[in-house]
Structure formats: structure tokens, C-alpha cells
Amino acid sequence: MAQSLQDGEVYQYTTTGAVANGQLLVLGRMAGVALNAATGAGQKIGVALEGVFSVASVATGAKTAGLRAMYRSTGSQLKVVTVSGVAGTGKYTIGNIWEAAATSSTTVKIRLIGGPIIATA
């Protein structure tokens, strides 16, 4: 018989370097937000895999509520695009825009999808 170990909304992560509280992290195919800060490698912190968070964003592109939120592997910043996706590599769906923001905004509220991130072709 299976036994529940935890809800799975927060992942206990052993850091590989410094992490800021609220920093967007991509761990394998999981995207999350650091709930604690760490000053270096080997520290345990909680990383939220679900929920709505305000995270750093590139200062370009439409930030309309409901659109997919993409993580760009170059530059380690959130990149927001339309539902139809973006051509190219290194971009992954991590959730949806929760609240509209100005195109020039450097932060955006997103709802994390809580599951494996999806590559966009």
C-alpha cells in the first residue's frame, strides 16, 4: 500500500552555490522559486514548485494575463511569450502570467505549473 510522504508543493534543494530568496530556479525539469536564501553550496532550502510568485523578467515582450511564461536558459531570466510559443531552443514553459505587466517591466507575477517544464520547438 502506498504512503504519502509529503504534498510535493515544496522541494528540499541542496544548493550548488548562492541563492537569493525569491530567485527563480530550474532544477532538472522542475521550475520553482526559492523560499529561503543560501550563502553558498551544500545548504538546504525550500523551493516552491506551485503557487503564484513575482519573479524577475526580461524587459521586453507582452506580459498579458493568461499567456505562457517561458524560462530562457541563456541569461537565467523569465521570458514571456504568446500562447503559440517561440521558435528556437533553450526556452521552456514554466507556468502562466497571473497578472498583466508593462512590456518594460523587469518583474512579472506568474503561476508555476508545478510539473515538468516543457521545451518549445
C-alpha atoms as a PDB file:
ATOM      1  CA  MET A   1       0.000   0.000   0.000  1.00  0.00           C
ATOM      2  CA  ALA A   2       1.354   3.435  -0.967  1.00  0.00           C
ATOM      3  CA  GLN A   3       2.001   6.003   1.745  1.00  0.00           C
ATOM      4  CA  SER A   4       2.048   9.736   1.158  1.00  0.00           C
ATOM      5  CA  LEU A   5       5.402  11.267   2.064  1.00  0.00           C
ATOM      6  CA  GLN A   6       4.521  14.953   1.558  1.00  0.00           C
ATOM      7  CA  ASP A   7       2.284  17.232  -0.530  1.00  0.00           C
ATOM      8  CA  GLY A   8       5.024  17.876  -3.071  1.00  0.00           C
ATOM      9  CA  GLU A   9       4.499  21.643  -3.318  1.00  0.00           C
ATOM     10  CA  VAL A  10       7.903  22.421  -1.769  1.00  0.00           C
ATOM     11  CA  TYR A  11      11.106  20.670  -2.829  1.00  0.00           C
ATOM     12  CA  GLN A  12      14.021  20.467  -0.402  1.00  0.00           C
ATOM     13  CA  TYR A  13      17.004  21.533  -2.507  1.00  0.00           C
ATOM     14  CA  THR A  14      20.688  21.252  -1.637  1.00  0.00           C
ATOM     15  CA  THR A  15      22.265  24.351  -3.152  1.00  0.00           C
ATOM     16  CA  THR A  16      25.217  24.318  -5.548  1.00  0.00           C
ATOM     17  CA  GLY A  17      26.003  27.993  -4.870  1.00  0.00           C
ATOM     18  CA  ALA A  18      24.481  31.196  -3.512  1.00  0.00           C
ATOM     19  CA  VAL A  19      20.709  31.599  -3.957  1.00  0.00           C
ATOM     20  CA  ALA A  20      18.600  34.683  -3.271  1.00  0.00           C
ATOM     21  CA  ASN A  21      15.230  34.482  -1.540  1.00  0.00           C
ATOM     22  CA  GLY A  22      12.597  34.647  -4.317  1.00  0.00           C
ATOM     23  CA  GLN A  23      15.029  33.602  -7.061  1.00  0.00           C
ATOM     24  CA  LEU A  24      13.599  31.587  -9.952  1.00  0.00           C
ATOM     25  CA  LEU A  25      15.383  28.222 -10.123  1.00  0.00           C
ATOM     26  CA  VAL A  26      15.274  25.467 -12.714  1.00  0.00           C
ATOM     27  CA  LEU A  27      16.248  22.108 -11.242  1.00  0.00           C
ATOM     28  CA  GLY A  28      16.346  19.497 -13.958  1.00  0.00           C
ATOM     29  CA  ARG A  29      12.808  19.705 -15.395  1.00  0.00           C
ATOM     30  CA  MET A  30      11.285  21.436 -12.345  1.00  0.00           C
ATOM     31  CA  ALA A  31      10.870  25.199 -12.112  1.00  0.00           C
ATOM     32  CA  GLY A  32      10.470  26.780  -8.698  1.00  0.00           C
ATOM     33  CA  VAL A  33      11.038  29.809  -6.530  1.00  0.00           C
ATOM     34  CA  ALA A  34      13.486  29.830  -3.610  1.00  0.00           C
ATOM     35  CA  LEU A  35      11.686  30.309  -0.310  1.00  0.00           C
ATOM     36  CA  ASN A  36      14.944  30.951   1.540  1.00  0.00           C
ATOM     37  CA  ALA A  37      18.345  32.428   0.776  1.00  0.00           C
ATOM     38  CA  ALA A  38      21.596  30.454   0.807  1.00  0.00           C
ATOM     39  CA  THR A  39      25.103  31.895   1.008  1.00  0.00           C
ATOM     40  CA  GLY A  40      26.823  29.002  -0.741  1.00  0.00           C
ATOM     41  CA  ALA A  41      26.845  25.360  -1.788  1.00  0.00           C
ATOM     42  CA  GLY A  42      25.595  22.492   0.378  1.00  0.00           C
ATOM     43  CA  GLN A  43      22.786  24.339   2.152  1.00  0.00           C
ATOM     44  CA  LYS A  44      19.205  23.003   2.254  1.00  0.00           C
ATOM     45  CA  ILE A  45      16.470  25.436   1.194  1.00  0.00           C
ATOM     46  CA  GLY A  46      12.812  25.101   0.287  1.00  0.00           C
ATOM     47  CA  VAL A  47      11.857  25.654  -3.357  1.00  0.00           C
ATOM     48  CA  ALA A  48       8.150  26.202  -4.099  1.00  0.00           C
ATOM     49  CA  LEU A  49       7.049  24.266  -7.188  1.00  0.00           C
ATOM     50  CA  GLU A  50       3.468  25.553  -7.204  1.00  0.00           C
ATOM     51  CA  GLY A  51       1.840  28.875  -6.467  1.00  0.00           C
ATOM     52  CA  VAL A  52       1.870  32.479  -7.674  1.00  0.00           C
ATOM     53  CA  PHE A  53       5.092  34.471  -7.379  1.00  0.00           C
ATOM     54  CA  SER A  54       6.594  37.734  -8.570  1.00  0.00           C
ATOM     55  CA  VAL A  55       9.816  36.878 -10.389  1.00  0.00           C
ATOM     56  CA  ALA A  56      12.498  38.641 -12.431  1.00  0.00           C
ATOM     57  CA  SER A  57      11.638  39.099 -16.101  1.00  0.00           C
ATOM     58  CA  VAL A  58      13.278  40.413 -19.234  1.00  0.00           C
ATOM     59  CA  ALA A  59      12.081  43.936 -20.061  1.00  0.00           C
ATOM     60  CA  THR A  60      10.592  43.002 -23.458  1.00  0.00           C
ATOM     61  CA  GLY A  61       7.543  41.154 -24.757  1.00  0.00           C
ATOM     62  CA  ALA A  62       3.853  41.163 -23.926  1.00  0.00           C
ATOM     63  CA  LYS A  63       3.025  40.338 -20.330  1.00  0.00           C
ATOM     64  CA  THR A  64      -0.687  39.651 -20.664  1.00  0.00           C
ATOM     65  CA  ALA A  65      -2.558  37.624 -18.044  1.00  0.00           C
ATOM     66  CA  GLY A  66      -3.051  34.032 -19.161  1.00  0.00           C
ATOM     67  CA  LEU A  67      -0.134  33.842 -21.607  1.00  0.00           C
ATOM     68  CA  ARG A  68       2.524  31.178 -21.146  1.00  0.00           C
ATOM     69  CA  ALA A  69       5.526  32.126 -19.031  1.00  0.00           C
ATOM     70  CA  MET A  70       8.763  30.852 -20.509  1.00  0.00           C
ATOM     71  CA  TYR A  71      12.142  30.340 -18.852  1.00  0.00           C
ATOM     72  CA  ARG A  72      15.079  31.193 -21.081  1.00  0.00           C
ATOM     73  CA  SER A  73      18.191  29.122 -20.354  1.00  0.00           C
ATOM     74  CA  THR A  74      20.524  31.887 -21.555  1.00  0.00           C
ATOM     75  CA  GLY A  75      20.583  34.748 -19.103  1.00  0.00           C
ATOM     76  CA  SER A  76      18.618  32.810 -16.440  1.00  0.00           C
ATOM     77  CA  GLN A  77      15.620  35.106 -16.714  1.00  0.00           C
ATOM     78  CA  LEU A  78      11.947  34.634 -17.295  1.00  0.00           C
ATOM     79  CA  LYS A  79      10.819  35.309 -20.854  1.00  0.00           C
ATOM     80  CA  VAL A  80       7.137  35.819 -21.561  1.00  0.00           C
ATOM     81  CA  VAL A  81       5.654  34.835 -24.922  1.00  0.00           C
ATOM     82  CA  THR A  82       2.289  34.249 -26.570  1.00  0.00           C
ATOM     83  CA  VAL A  83       0.349  31.010 -26.340  1.00  0.00           C
ATOM     84  CA  SER A  84       1.544  29.933 -29.789  1.00  0.00           C
ATOM     85  CA  GLY A  85       5.122  29.664 -28.498  1.00  0.00           C
ATOM     86  CA  VAL A  86       8.517  30.841 -29.643  1.00  0.00           C
ATOM     87  CA  ALA A  87      10.769  29.405 -32.333  1.00  0.00           C
ATOM     88  CA  GLY A  88      14.211  28.380 -31.188  1.00  0.00           C
ATOM     89  CA  THR A  89      15.841  26.384 -28.441  1.00  0.00           C
ATOM     90  CA  GLY A  90      16.553  26.928 -24.776  1.00  0.00           C
ATOM     91  CA  LYS A  91      13.054  28.165 -23.878  1.00  0.00           C
ATOM     92  CA  TYR A  92      10.766  26.256 -21.521  1.00  0.00           C
ATOM     93  CA  THR A  93       7.163  26.719 -20.367  1.00  0.00           C
ATOM     94  CA  ILE A  94       7.081  27.050 -16.571  1.00  0.00           C
ATOM     95  CA  GLY A  95       3.614  28.495 -15.994  1.00  0.00           C
ATOM     96  CA  ASN A  96       1.250  31.311 -16.927  1.00  0.00           C
ATOM     97  CA  ILE A  97       1.188  35.060 -16.477  1.00  0.00           C
ATOM     98  CA  TRP A  98      -1.024  35.728 -13.463  1.00  0.00           C
ATOM     99  CA  GLU A  99      -1.311  39.493 -13.756  1.00  0.00           C
ATOM    100  CA  ALA A 100      -0.595  41.768 -16.723  1.00  0.00           C
ATOM    101  CA  ALA A 101       2.518  43.951 -16.552  1.00  0.00           C
ATOM    102  CA  ALA A 102       4.065  46.621 -18.759  1.00  0.00           C
ATOM    103  CA  THR A 103       6.306  45.410 -21.588  1.00  0.00           C
ATOM    104  CA  SER A 104       9.245  47.219 -19.951  1.00  0.00           C
ATOM    105  CA  SER A 105       8.616  45.653 -16.532  1.00  0.00           C
ATOM    106  CA  THR A 106      11.536  43.715 -15.027  1.00  0.00           C
ATOM    107  CA  THR A 107       9.233  41.627 -12.807  1.00  0.00           C
ATOM    108  CA  VAL A 108       6.061  39.688 -13.529  1.00  0.00           C
ATOM    109  CA  LYS A 109       3.608  37.624 -11.474  1.00  0.00           C
ATOM    110  CA  ILE A 110       3.390  34.036 -12.668  1.00  0.00           C
ATOM    111  CA  ARG A 111       1.601  30.864 -11.629  1.00  0.00           C
ATOM    112  CA  LEU A 112       4.014  27.941 -11.672  1.00  0.00           C
ATOM    113  CA  ILE A 113       2.668  24.808 -13.348  1.00  0.00           C
ATOM    114  CA  GLY A 114       4.071  22.521 -10.662  1.00  0.00           C
ATOM    115  CA  GLY A 115       5.170  19.832 -13.091  1.00  0.00           C
ATOM    116  CA  PRO A 116       7.893  19.117 -15.607  1.00  0.00           C
ATOM    117  CA  ILE A 117       8.779  22.139 -17.720  1.00  0.00           C
ATOM    118  CA  ILE A 118       8.100  21.772 -21.413  1.00  0.00           C
ATOM    119  CA  ALA A 119      10.541  22.643 -24.185  1.00  0.00           C
ATOM    120  CA  THR A 120       9.244  24.803 -27.028  1.00  0.00           C
ATOM    121  CA  ALA A 121      10.245  23.986 -30.578  1.00  0.00           C
END
